[in-house]
Amino acid sequence: MPTVEDSPAVPADAPPEPPPSTHGGTTAPPARGFRRALAKLLLESGLIVASVLLGFALSEYGERRRDADLAAAAVDNFRREIRANLSELERIRPAHEELLRGLERWSASHPSGETAVEALLRVMPRSGLQINPLDDAAWETATATDALRLMDYPTASLLSRTYLIQRQARGATVALFQERFFERGSFDAASAAASVSLLRVLTQQLVAQEDSLARAYREALRKLPVR
């Protein structure tokens, strides 16, 4: 059995032996491990950023899609309403033209003793005055939902001009006609000539505005975008 004395002597100037490896000799150099960890961190960070950007892009696309659908639906509503209003306008315009001719005949003959109301009843068409307001629900809805802002400028401007004629021109004349018809002078024979003259002017103005509005309706139907 060997003893301590039998072990070979170690020279005093020999270098110290390195400590034994605790990982079986497979440990990567520290620099290489740091680079791998950094690459992994950068990859994970890039994936997170890409996911966030993709989420923003999808959200923005969805919002643009919803805005486009809202604008297209509003245009469809305008088209249906304008078609209905044009049909109604074409139905009632002959009655207003007939009323205008009747008021002109009355002014030319001026029967004595009649009030303006009696004169109007004498010349009124069988279908009546036909001065009810035209529909504007599409305009009110587009304004309430901010759909006009989502349309291109030519379309929004076209619709704005069309409904301006409908609401502020024809609508104002209809309101004034109704007001003058029910005022006190319309029931006084002494004021009949002046009252009938005013009603004739208003009817003439109404006929001209309805002619202009019909042209605006046709232009709008021709130019409104179709999806």
C-alpha atoms as a PDB file:
ATOM      1  CA  MET A   1       0.000   0.000   0.000  1.00  0.00           C
ATOM      2  CA  PRO A   2       1.506   3.303  -1.079  1.00  0.00           C
ATOM      3  CA  THR A   3       2.169   5.906   1.563  1.00  0.00           C
ATOM      4  CA  VAL A   4       2.647   9.645   1.533  1.00  0.00           C
ATOM      5  CA  GLU A   5       6.316   9.091   1.382  1.00  0.00           C
ATOM      6  CA  ASP A   6       5.892   7.133  -1.876  1.00  0.00           C
ATOM      7  CA  SER A   7       4.117  10.057  -3.742  1.00  0.00           C
ATOM      8  CA  PRO A   8       6.228  11.887  -6.278  1.00  0.00           C
ATOM      9  CA  ALA A   9       7.543  15.200  -5.126  1.00  0.00           C
ATOM     10  CA  VAL A  10       6.099  18.373  -6.622  1.00  0.00           C
ATOM     11  CA  PRO A  11       8.594  21.002  -7.624  1.00  0.00           C
ATOM     12  CA  ALA A  12       8.315  24.180  -5.604  1.00  0.00           C
ATOM     13  CA  ASP A  13       8.176  26.392  -8.688  1.00  0.00           C
ATOM     14  CA  ALA A  14       5.419  24.449 -10.503  1.00  0.00           C
ATOM     15  CA  PRO A  15       2.225  26.544 -11.465  1.00  0.00           C
ATOM     16  CA  PRO A  16      -0.938  25.835  -9.453  1.00  0.00           C
ATOM     17  CA  GLU A  17      -3.428  23.487 -10.991  1.00  0.00           C
ATOM     18  CA  PRO A  18      -6.750  25.065 -12.155  1.00  0.00           C
ATOM     19  CA  PRO A  19      -9.781  24.282 -10.028  1.00  0.00           C
ATOM     20  CA  PRO A  20     -11.899  21.439 -11.302  1.00  0.00           C
ATOM     21  CA  SER A  21     -14.924  22.325 -13.477  1.00  0.00           C
ATOM     22  CA  THR A  22     -18.279  21.984 -11.794  1.00  0.00           C
ATOM     23  CA  HIS A  23     -20.243  21.812 -15.131  1.00  0.00           C
ATOM     24  CA  GLY A  24     -18.567  18.972 -16.814  1.00  0.00           C
ATOM     25  CA  GLY A  25     -16.538  21.302 -19.020  1.00  0.00           C
ATOM     26  CA  THR A  26     -19.634  22.549 -21.043  1.00  0.00           C
ATOM     27  CA  THR A  27     -19.966  26.104 -19.674  1.00  0.00           C
ATOM     28  CA  ALA A  28     -19.984  28.748 -22.490  1.00  0.00           C
ATOM     29  CA  PRO A  29     -17.669  31.711 -22.174  1.00  0.00           C
ATOM     30  CA  PRO A  30     -19.355  34.647 -20.323  1.00  0.00           C
ATOM     31  CA  ALA A  31     -19.368  36.952 -23.408  1.00  0.00           C
ATOM     32  CA  ARG A  32     -21.202  34.419 -25.561  1.00  0.00           C
ATOM     33  CA  GLY A  33     -23.874  33.850 -22.877  1.00  0.00           C
ATOM     34  CA  PHE A  34     -24.457  37.591 -22.529  1.00  0.00           C
ATOM     35  CA  ARG A  35     -24.948  37.962 -26.272  1.00  0.00           C
ATOM     36  CA  ARG A  36     -27.483  35.162 -26.322  1.00  0.00           C
ATOM     37  CA  ALA A  37     -29.419  36.693 -23.430  1.00  0.00           C
ATOM     38  CA  LEU A  38     -29.382  40.110 -25.095  1.00  0.00           C
ATOM     39  CA  ALA A  39     -30.599  38.653 -28.408  1.00  0.00           C
ATOM     40  CA  LYS A  40     -33.444  36.880 -26.620  1.00  0.00           C
ATOM     41  CA  LEU A  41     -34.409  40.063 -24.798  1.00  0.00           C
ATOM     42  CA  LEU A  42     -34.361  42.089 -28.011  1.00  0.00           C
ATOM     43  CA  LEU A  43     -36.462  39.461 -29.819  1.00  0.00           C
ATOM     44  CA  GLU A  44     -39.062  39.394 -27.055  1.00  0.00           C
ATOM     45  CA  SER A  45     -39.156  43.195 -26.927  1.00  0.00           C
ATOM     46  CA  GLY A  46     -39.549  43.365 -30.706  1.00  0.00           C
ATOM     47  CA  LEU A  47     -42.445  40.911 -30.588  1.00  0.00           C
ATOM     48  CA  ILE A  48     -44.178  42.965 -27.903  1.00  0.00           C
ATOM     49  CA  VAL A  49     -43.745  46.203 -29.872  1.00  0.00           C
ATOM     50  CA  ALA A  50     -44.938  44.515 -33.078  1.00  0.00           C
ATOM     51  CA  SER A  51     -48.019  43.172 -31.269  1.00  0.00           C
ATOM     52  CA  VAL A  52     -48.867  46.631 -29.910  1.00  0.00           C
ATOM     53  CA  LEU A  53     -48.411  48.266 -33.329  1.00  0.00           C
ATOM     54  CA  LEU A  54     -50.517  45.569 -34.979  1.00  0.00           C
ATOM     55  CA  GLY A  55     -53.248  46.163 -32.402  1.00  0.00           C
ATOM     56  CA  PHE A  56     -53.210  49.899 -33.116  1.00  0.00           C
ATOM     57  CA  ALA A  57     -53.303  49.262 -36.868  1.00  0.00           C
ATOM     58  CA  LEU A  58     -56.252  46.879 -36.581  1.00  0.00           C
ATOM     59  CA  SER A  59     -58.097  49.298 -34.304  1.00  0.00           C
ATOM     60  CA  GLU A  60     -57.521  52.184 -36.714  1.00  0.00           C
ATOM     61  CA  TYR A  61     -58.612  50.065 -39.667  1.00  0.00           C
ATOM     62  CA  GLY A  62     -61.768  49.060 -37.825  1.00  0.00           C
ATOM     63  CA  GLU A  63     -62.529  52.684 -36.999  1.00  0.00           C
ATOM     64  CA  ARG A  64     -62.002  53.764 -40.602  1.00  0.00           C
ATOM     65  CA  ARG A  65     -64.217  50.894 -41.754  1.00  0.00           C
ATOM     66  CA  ARG A  66     -66.983  51.922 -39.348  1.00  0.00           C
ATOM     67  CA  ASP A  67     -66.708  55.559 -40.471  1.00  0.00           C
ATOM     68  CA  ALA A  68     -66.888  54.523 -44.114  1.00  0.00           C
ATOM     69  CA  ASP A  69     -69.940  52.345 -43.442  1.00  0.00           C
ATOM     70  CA  LEU A  70     -71.646  55.195 -41.559  1.00  0.00           C
ATOM     71  CA  ALA A  71     -70.995  57.647 -44.391  1.00  0.00           C
ATOM     72  CA  ALA A  72     -72.213  55.157 -47.018  1.00  0.00           C
ATOM     73  CA  ALA A  73     -75.377  54.436 -45.017  1.00  0.00           C
ATOM     74  CA  ALA A  74     -76.031  58.178 -44.692  1.00  0.00           C
ATOM     75  CA  VAL A  75     -75.666  58.639 -48.464  1.00  0.00           C
ATOM     76  CA  ASP A  76     -78.115  55.774 -49.037  1.00  0.00           C
ATOM     77  CA  ASN A  77     -80.592  57.478 -46.668  1.00  0.00           C
ATOM     78  CA  PHE A  78     -80.198  60.772 -48.529  1.00  0.00           C
ATOM     79  CA  ARG A  79     -80.763  59.059 -51.865  1.00  0.00           C
ATOM     80  CA  ARG A  80     -83.987  57.406 -50.706  1.00  0.00           C
ATOM     81  CA  GLU A  81     -85.305  60.588 -49.103  1.00  0.00           C
ATOM     82  CA  ILE A  82     -84.449  62.796 -52.080  1.00  0.00           C
ATOM     83  CA  ARG A  83     -86.161  60.370 -54.452  1.00  0.00           C
ATOM     84  CA  ALA A  84     -89.265  60.376 -52.245  1.00  0.00           C
ATOM     85  CA  ASN A  85     -89.229  64.188 -51.969  1.00  0.00           C
ATOM     86  CA  LEU A  86     -88.793  64.589 -55.726  1.00  0.00           C
ATOM     87  CA  SER A  87     -91.742  62.276 -56.334  1.00  0.00           C
ATOM     88  CA  GLU A  88     -93.849  64.271 -53.857  1.00  0.00           C
ATOM     89  CA  LEU A  89     -92.736  67.553 -55.398  1.00  0.00           C
ATOM     90  CA  GLU A  90     -93.690  66.426 -58.884  1.00  0.00           C
ATOM     91  CA  ARG A  91     -97.074  65.379 -57.537  1.00  0.00           C
ATOM     92  CA  ILE A  92     -97.935  68.709 -55.863  1.00  0.00           C
ATOM     93  CA  ARG A  93     -96.346  71.203 -58.271  1.00  0.00           C
ATOM     94  CA  PRO A  94     -99.242  71.079 -60.775  1.00  0.00           C
ATOM     95  CA  ALA A  95    -101.638  72.056 -57.965  1.00  0.00           C
ATOM     96  CA  HIS A  96     -99.506  75.079 -57.083  1.00  0.00           C
ATOM     97  CA  GLU A  97     -99.297  76.130 -60.719  1.00  0.00           C
ATOM     98  CA  GLU A  98    -103.087  75.817 -60.970  1.00  0.00           C
ATOM     99  CA  LEU A  99    -103.481  77.879 -57.781  1.00  0.00           C
ATOM    100  CA  LEU A 100    -101.222  80.584 -59.211  1.00  0.00           C
ATOM    101  CA  ARG A 101    -103.292  80.817 -62.398  1.00  0.00           C
ATOM    102  CA  GLY A 102    -106.503  81.005 -60.337  1.00  0.00           C
ATOM    103  CA  LEU A 103    -105.151  83.842 -58.152  1.00  0.00           C
ATOM    104  CA  GLU A 104    -104.062  85.707 -61.265  1.00  0.00           C
ATOM    105  CA  ARG A 105    -107.570  85.360 -62.739  1.00  0.00           C
ATOM    106  CA  TRP A 106    -109.145  86.562 -59.505  1.00  0.00           C
ATOM    107  CA  SER A 107    -106.832  89.592 -59.370  1.00  0.00           C
ATOM    108  CA  ALA A 108    -107.772  90.439 -62.950  1.00  0.00           C
ATOM    109  CA  SER A 109    -111.551  90.214 -62.326  1.00  0.00           C
ATOM    110  CA  HIS A 110    -111.553  91.190 -58.619  1.00  0.00           C
ATOM    111  CA  PRO A 111    -115.078  90.137 -57.628  1.00  0.00           C
ATOM    112  CA  SER A 112    -116.464  92.626 -55.124  1.00  0.00           C
ATOM    113  CA  GLY A 113    -117.467  91.652 -51.626  1.00  0.00           C
ATOM    114  CA  GLU A 114    -115.189  88.627 -51.390  1.00  0.00           C
ATOM    115  CA  THR A 115    -112.498  88.221 -48.794  1.00  0.00           C
ATOM    116  CA  ALA A 116    -109.067  86.790 -49.554  1.00  0.00           C
ATOM    117  CA  VAL A 117    -110.057  83.534 -47.866  1.00  0.00           C
ATOM    118  CA  GLU A 118    -113.139  83.268 -50.079  1.00  0.00           C
ATOM    119  CA  ALA A 119    -111.054  84.087 -53.123  1.00  0.00           C
ATOM    120  CA  LEU A 120    -108.559  81.381 -52.229  1.00  0.00           C
ATOM    121  CA  LEU A 121    -111.311  78.836 -51.682  1.00  0.00           C
ATOM    122  CA  ARG A 122    -112.826  79.797 -55.050  1.00  0.00           C
ATOM    123  CA  VAL A 123    -109.610  79.140 -57.011  1.00  0.00           C
ATOM    124  CA  MET A 124    -108.155  76.354 -54.871  1.00  0.00           C
ATOM    125  CA  PRO A 125    -107.411  73.116 -56.768  1.00  0.00           C
ATOM    126  CA  ARG A 126    -109.433  70.048 -55.855  1.00  0.00           C
ATOM    127  CA  SER A 127    -106.340  68.477 -54.295  1.00  0.00           C
ATOM    128  CA  GLY A 128    -106.055  71.399 -51.856  1.00  0.00           C
ATOM    129  CA  LEU A 129    -103.110  73.698 -51.121  1.00  0.00           C
ATOM    130  CA  GLN A 130    -100.559  70.876 -50.785  1.00  0.00           C
ATOM    131  CA  ILE A 131     -98.022  72.945 -48.856  1.00  0.00           C
ATOM    132  CA  ASN A 132     -96.864  70.416 -46.285  1.00  0.00           C
ATOM    133  CA  PRO A 133     -93.109  70.371 -45.498  1.00  0.00           C
ATOM    134  CA  LEU A 134     -90.948  67.866 -47.349  1.00  0.00           C
ATOM    135  CA  ASP A 135     -89.072  65.193 -45.407  1.00  0.00           C
ATOM    136  CA  ASP A 136     -85.656  66.064 -43.956  1.00  0.00           C
ATOM    137  CA  ALA A 137     -85.066  63.109 -41.609  1.00  0.00           C
ATOM    138  CA  ALA A 138     -81.914  62.075 -43.510  1.00  0.00           C
ATOM    139  CA  TRP A 139     -80.386  65.517 -42.966  1.00  0.00           C
ATOM    140  CA  GLU A 140     -81.283  65.549 -39.274  1.00  0.00           C
ATOM    141  CA  THR A 141     -79.868  62.038 -38.783  1.00  0.00           C
ATOM    142  CA  ALA A 142     -76.628  62.817 -40.633  1.00  0.00           C
ATOM    143  CA  THR A 143     -76.194  65.948 -38.551  1.00  0.00           C
ATOM    144  CA  ALA A 144     -76.881  64.147 -35.270  1.00  0.00           C
ATOM    145  CA  THR A 145     -74.490  61.260 -36.051  1.00  0.00           C
ATOM    146  CA  ASP A 146     -71.795  63.531 -37.522  1.00  0.00           C
ATOM    147  CA  ALA A 147     -71.974  61.521 -40.753  1.00  0.00           C
ATOM    148  CA  LEU A 148     -71.574  64.658 -42.908  1.00  0.00           C
ATOM    149  CA  ARG A 149     -68.048  65.091 -41.544  1.00  0.00           C
ATOM    150  CA  LEU A 150     -67.145  61.632 -42.822  1.00  0.00           C
ATOM    151  CA  MET A 151     -68.193  62.394 -46.415  1.00  0.00           C
ATOM    152  CA  ASP A 152     -65.953  63.907 -49.040  1.00  0.00           C
ATOM    153  CA  TYR A 153     -66.336  67.647 -49.552  1.00  0.00           C
ATOM    154  CA  PRO A 154     -68.178  67.555 -52.934  1.00  0.00           C
ATOM    155  CA  THR A 155     -70.834  65.188 -51.554  1.00  0.00           C
ATOM    156  CA  ALA A 156     -71.339  67.123 -48.321  1.00  0.00           C
ATOM    157  CA  SER A 157     -71.493  70.423 -50.227  1.00  0.00           C
ATOM    158  CA  LEU A 158     -74.007  69.016 -52.730  1.00  0.00           C
ATOM    159  CA  LEU A 159     -76.313  67.816 -49.967  1.00  0.00           C
ATOM    160  CA  SER A 160     -75.940  71.065 -48.037  1.00  0.00           C
ATOM    161  CA  ARG A 161     -77.018  73.142 -51.062  1.00  0.00           C
ATOM    162  CA  THR A 162     -79.953  70.824 -51.769  1.00  0.00           C
ATOM    163  CA  TYR A 163     -81.364  70.947 -48.259  1.00  0.00           C
ATOM    164  CA  LEU A 164     -80.686  74.669 -48.015  1.00  0.00           C
ATOM    165  CA  ILE A 165     -83.110  75.211 -50.910  1.00  0.00           C
ATOM    166  CA  GLN A 166     -85.602  72.794 -49.376  1.00  0.00           C
ATOM    167  CA  ARG A 167     -85.560  74.135 -45.825  1.00  0.00           C
ATOM    168  CA  GLN A 168     -84.695  77.820 -46.021  1.00  0.00           C
ATOM    169  CA  ALA A 169     -86.228  78.739 -49.383  1.00  0.00           C
ATOM    170  CA  ARG A 170     -89.316  76.626 -49.991  1.00  0.00           C
ATOM    171  CA  GLY A 171     -89.861  75.979 -46.280  1.00  0.00           C
ATOM    172  CA  ALA A 172     -89.777  79.681 -45.451  1.00  0.00           C
ATOM    173  CA  THR A 173     -92.214  80.507 -48.267  1.00  0.00           C
ATOM    174  CA  VAL A 174     -94.660  77.801 -47.129  1.00  0.00           C
ATOM    175  CA  ALA A 175     -94.528  79.123 -43.554  1.00  0.00           C
ATOM    176  CA  LEU A 176     -95.108  82.700 -44.752  1.00  0.00           C
ATOM    177  CA  PHE A 177     -98.001  81.607 -46.982  1.00  0.00           C
ATOM    178  CA  GLN A 178     -99.716  79.891 -44.046  1.00  0.00           C
ATOM    179  CA  GLU A 179     -99.131  82.911 -41.820  1.00  0.00           C
ATOM    180  CA  ARG A 180    -100.601  85.358 -44.339  1.00  0.00           C
ATOM    181  CA  PHE A 181    -103.564  83.094 -45.069  1.00  0.00           C
ATOM    182  CA  PHE A 182    -104.675  83.128 -41.438  1.00  0.00           C
ATOM    183  CA  GLU A 183    -103.991  86.783 -40.689  1.00  0.00           C
ATOM    184  CA  ARG A 184    -106.915  89.137 -39.948  1.00  0.00           C
ATOM    185  CA  GLY A 185    -106.787  90.954 -43.293  1.00  0.00           C
ATOM    186  CA  SER A 186    -107.575  87.735 -45.170  1.00  0.00           C
ATOM    187  CA  PHE A 187    -111.051  87.779 -43.607  1.00  0.00           C
ATOM    188  CA  ASP A 188    -111.742  91.436 -44.446  1.00  0.00           C
ATOM    189  CA  ALA A 189    -113.298  92.177 -47.852  1.00  0.00           C
ATOM    190  CA  ALA A 190    -111.780  95.657 -47.850  1.00  0.00           C
ATOM    191  CA  SER A 191    -108.298  94.121 -47.716  1.00  0.00           C
ATOM    192  CA  ALA A 192    -109.028  91.338 -50.182  1.00  0.00           C
ATOM    193  CA  ALA A 193    -107.135  92.834 -53.129  1.00  0.00           C
ATOM    194  CA  ALA A 194    -103.946  93.408 -51.142  1.00  0.00           C
ATOM    195  CA  SER A 195    -104.157  90.033 -49.401  1.00  0.00           C
ATOM    196  CA  VAL A 196    -104.768  88.118 -52.627  1.00  0.00           C
ATOM    197  CA  SER A 197    -101.944  89.999 -54.303  1.00  0.00           C
ATOM    198  CA  LEU A 198     -99.573  88.942 -51.534  1.00  0.00           C
ATOM    199  CA  LEU A 199    -100.755  85.332 -51.707  1.00  0.00           C
ATOM    200  CA  ARG A 200    -100.271  85.399 -55.483  1.00  0.00           C
ATOM    201  CA  VAL A 201     -96.694  86.638 -55.100  1.00  0.00           C
ATOM    202  CA  LEU A 202     -95.973  83.977 -52.504  1.00  0.00           C
ATOM    203  CA  THR A 203     -97.457  81.259 -54.715  1.00  0.00           C
ATOM    204  CA  GLN A 204     -95.411  82.493 -57.668  1.00  0.00           C
ATOM    205  CA  GLN A 205     -92.318  82.364 -55.487  1.00  0.00           C
ATOM    206  CA  LEU A 206     -93.245  78.883 -54.257  1.00  0.00           C
ATOM    207  CA  VAL A 207     -93.610  77.563 -57.814  1.00  0.00           C
ATOM    208  CA  ALA A 208     -90.204  78.994 -58.773  1.00  0.00           C
ATOM    209  CA  GLN A 209     -88.551  77.529 -55.664  1.00  0.00           C
ATOM    210  CA  GLU A 210     -90.082  74.118 -56.272  1.00  0.00           C
ATOM    211  CA  ASP A 211     -88.797  74.193 -59.843  1.00  0.00           C
ATOM    212  CA  SER A 212     -85.314  75.023 -58.523  1.00  0.00           C
ATOM    213  CA  LEU A 213     -85.589  72.365 -55.837  1.00  0.00           C
ATOM    214  CA  ALA A 214     -86.604  69.708 -58.366  1.00  0.00           C
ATOM    215  CA  ARG A 215     -83.481  70.512 -60.406  1.00  0.00           C
ATOM    216  CA  ALA A 216     -81.362  70.312 -57.236  1.00  0.00           C
ATOM    217  CA  TYR A 217     -82.886  66.927 -56.384  1.00  0.00           C
ATOM    218  CA  ARG A 218     -82.115  65.543 -59.844  1.00  0.00           C
ATOM    219  CA  GLU A 219     -78.561  66.861 -59.691  1.00  0.00           C
ATOM    220  CA  ALA A 220     -78.049  65.282 -56.267  1.00  0.00           C
ATOM    221  CA  LEU A 221     -79.366  61.911 -57.436  1.00  0.00           C
ATOM    222  CA  ARG A 222     -77.072  62.075 -60.442  1.00  0.00           C
ATOM    223  CA  LYS A 223     -73.946  62.973 -58.450  1.00  0.00           C
ATOM    224  CA  LEU A 224     -74.355  61.051 -55.191  1.00  0.00           C
ATOM    225  CA  PRO A 225     -71.722  58.268 -54.986  1.00  0.00           C
ATOM    226  CA  VAL A 226     -72.923  54.688 -55.388  1.00  0.00           C
ATOM    227  CA  ARG A 227     -71.184  51.941 -53.423  1.00  0.00           C
END
